[in-house]
């Protein structure tokens, strides 16, 4: 297990593992509610949306994938990706929803940037750092959550 996150109600957990799955757990019963097969097994981060309706994950494919937990599953029981946030030039090492908003998410990356995304459009709202601004001079790793709380 590489990463995990709680819902705001603390009744569910999402965990990401390099076995290529995101698993959503009922924290009270320890039962799985979703086992999501990932497009890329090399996942590094995961997060619940503030309402607990969706989960996000990212990793070595440089993409942040969003899954709507209320979407119907395919015939094999898998959830399809509802949105792929493309734009980082390095791996996605962290992701966190903006508190109180299921429509905005921030990611940190090995490309030395943080990006604020509008999930409804899939577009970058803001880029922090990068080659044309003074910013990080090394990989942005996992501590975005501290910035948002």
Protein backbone atom coordinates (compact mmCIF):
# COMPACT_ATOMS: atom_id res chain seq x y z
CA UNK A 1 0.00 0.00 0.00
CA UNK A 2 1.50 3.27 -1.10
CA UNK A 3 -1.14 5.81 -0.07
CA UNK A 4 -4.48 6.12 1.72
CA UNK A 5 -7.12 8.70 2.58
CA UNK A 6 -10.23 8.94 4.76
CA UNK A 7 -13.63 10.40 3.89
CA UNK A 8 -14.50 13.51 5.87
CA UNK A 9 -16.99 11.41 7.90
CA UNK A 10 -14.17 8.95 8.71
CA UNK A 11 -16.38 5.99 7.74
CA UNK A 12 -14.53 4.98 4.55
CA UNK A 13 -10.91 4.65 3.49
CA UNK A 14 -9.38 4.53 0.02
CA UNK A 15 -6.04 2.79 -0.37
CA UNK A 16 -3.74 2.68 -3.39
CA UNK A 17 -1.34 -0.16 -3.98
CA UNK A 18 1.15 -1.01 -6.65
CA UNK A 19 -0.90 -4.15 -7.28
CA UNK A 20 -2.79 -1.87 -9.69
CA UNK A 21 -5.90 -1.31 -7.59
CA UNK A 22 -7.61 1.36 -5.58
CA UNK A 23 -9.71 -0.18 -2.84
CA UNK A 24 -12.46 1.66 -1.01
CA UNK A 25 -13.10 0.18 2.43
CA UNK A 26 -15.92 0.51 4.90
CA UNK A 27 -13.86 1.60 7.91
CA UNK A 28 -16.44 0.30 10.38
CA UNK A 29 -16.70 -3.25 9.00
CA UNK A 30 -13.35 -3.64 7.15
CA UNK A 31 -15.31 -4.73 4.06
CA UNK A 32 -14.38 -3.64 0.53
CA UNK A 33 -16.99 -1.51 -1.22
CA UNK A 34 -15.01 -0.95 -4.44
CA UNK A 35 -11.92 -2.55 -5.98
CA UNK A 36 -10.95 -0.30 -8.88
CA UNK A 37 -8.54 -1.58 -11.50
CA UNK A 38 -6.19 1.26 -12.40
CA UNK A 39 -5.02 2.28 -15.86
CA UNK A 40 -1.45 2.36 -14.47
CA UNK A 41 -0.30 0.08 -11.64
CA UNK A 42 2.46 2.46 -10.57
CA UNK A 43 0.26 4.57 -8.32
CA UNK A 44 1.76 6.91 -5.71
CA UNK A 45 -1.19 8.83 -4.26
CA UNK A 46 -4.94 8.76 -3.73
CA UNK A 47 -7.61 11.03 -2.26
CA UNK A 48 -11.32 11.11 -1.49
CA UNK A 49 -13.41 14.05 -2.68
CA UNK A 50 -14.97 16.11 0.15
CA UNK A 51 -18.40 14.51 -0.42
CA UNK A 52 -16.92 11.03 -0.74
CA UNK A 53 -18.55 10.62 -4.17
CA UNK A 54 -15.28 10.24 -6.06
CA UNK A 55 -11.66 9.25 -5.62
CA UNK A 56 -8.54 10.45 -7.40
CA UNK A 57 -5.16 8.81 -7.88
CA UNK A 58 -1.91 9.45 -9.70
CA UNK A 59 1.50 7.97 -10.23
CA UNK A 60 4.25 7.24 -12.70
CA UNK A 61 2.01 7.70 -15.75
CA UNK A 62 2.00 11.49 -15.02
CA UNK A 63 -1.82 11.53 -14.98
CA UNK A 64 -4.34 12.07 -12.20
CA UNK A 65 -7.32 9.75 -12.73
CA UNK A 66 -10.75 10.49 -11.22
CA UNK A 67 -13.32 7.75 -10.52
CA UNK A 68 -16.96 8.50 -9.70
CA UNK A 69 -17.97 5.91 -7.11
CA UNK A 70 -21.64 6.22 -8.12
CA UNK A 71 -20.98 5.31 -11.76
CA UNK A 72 -22.16 1.93 -13.01
CA UNK A 73 -19.52 -0.77 -13.23
CA UNK A 74 -18.67 -2.61 -16.42
CA UNK A 75 -19.50 -6.28 -16.84
CA UNK A 76 -16.28 -7.26 -15.02
CA UNK A 77 -17.22 -5.10 -12.03
CA UNK A 78 -14.73 -2.32 -12.78
CA UNK A 79 -15.35 1.42 -12.68
CA UNK A 80 -14.33 3.38 -15.73
CA UNK A 81 -12.20 6.49 -15.33
CA UNK A 82 -14.53 9.50 -15.30
CA UNK A 83 -11.79 12.10 -15.91
CA UNK A 84 -8.06 11.99 -16.67
CA UNK A 85 -6.12 15.12 -15.78
CA UNK A 86 -3.21 15.31 -18.23
CA UNK A 87 -0.53 17.97 -18.23
CA UNK A 88 2.29 17.09 -15.86
CA UNK A 89 5.66 16.30 -17.40
CA UNK A 90 6.65 14.08 -14.46
CA UNK A 91 5.02 11.56 -12.16
CA UNK A 92 2.10 12.63 -9.95
CA UNK A 93 3.27 12.19 -6.37
CA UNK A 94 0.35 13.80 -4.52
CA UNK A 95 -3.25 14.82 -5.05
CA UNK A 96 -5.75 16.48 -2.78
CA UNK A 97 -9.20 17.90 -3.34
CA UNK A 98 -9.75 21.52 -2.38
CA UNK A 99 -11.67 21.40 0.92
CA UNK A 100 -15.41 21.65 0.39
CA UNK A 101 -15.16 21.32 -3.42
CA UNK A 102 -15.54 18.16 -5.47
CA UNK A 103 -14.72 20.16 -8.61
CA UNK A 104 -11.16 21.28 -7.84
CA UNK A 105 -8.07 19.25 -7.06
CA UNK A 106 -4.39 20.07 -6.65
CA UNK A 107 -1.56 17.77 -7.70
CA UNK A 108 2.17 17.76 -6.99
CA UNK A 109 4.62 16.30 -9.45
CA UNK A 110 8.13 15.21 -10.20
CA UNK A 111 8.16 17.99 -12.82
CA UNK A 112 8.70 20.48 -9.97
CA UNK A 113 5.18 21.93 -10.17
CA UNK A 114 1.86 21.90 -8.38
CA UNK A 115 -1.26 22.24 -10.53
CA UNK A 116 -4.75 23.31 -9.51
CA UNK A 117 -7.29 21.53 -11.75
CA UNK A 118 -10.91 22.18 -12.64
CA UNK A 119 -12.17 18.60 -12.70
CA UNK A 120 -15.37 19.43 -14.61
CA UNK A 121 -13.38 20.72 -17.60
CA UNK A 122 -10.14 18.79 -17.05
CA UNK A 123 -8.19 22.04 -17.43
CA UNK A 124 -5.43 23.53 -15.35
CA UNK A 125 -6.60 26.57 -13.36
CA UNK A 126 -3.18 27.49 -11.96
CA UNK A 127 0.37 26.18 -12.20
CA UNK A 128 2.72 26.78 -9.29
CA UNK A 129 6.41 26.64 -10.19
CA UNK A 130 7.86 25.43 -13.43
CA UNK A 131 10.63 26.53 -15.72
CA UNK A 132 9.47 30.13 -16.25
CA UNK A 133 8.76 31.01 -12.62
CA UNK A 134 10.85 30.85 -9.52
CA UNK A 135 9.67 27.77 -7.71
CA UNK A 136 10.82 24.34 -6.67
CA UNK A 137 14.13 23.13 -7.95
CA UNK A 138 13.40 19.48 -7.18
CA UNK A 139 10.47 17.06 -7.24
CA UNK A 140 7.33 18.08 -5.40
CA UNK A 141 6.53 15.19 -3.11
CA UNK A 142 3.65 14.27 -0.90
CA UNK A 143 2.75 17.05 1.51
CA UNK A 144 0.14 19.15 -0.28
CA UNK A 145 -2.44 18.22 2.38
CA UNK A 146 -0.66 20.40 4.93
CA UNK A 147 -1.03 23.40 2.60
CA UNK A 148 -4.78 22.94 2.31
CA UNK A 149 -5.65 22.36 5.96
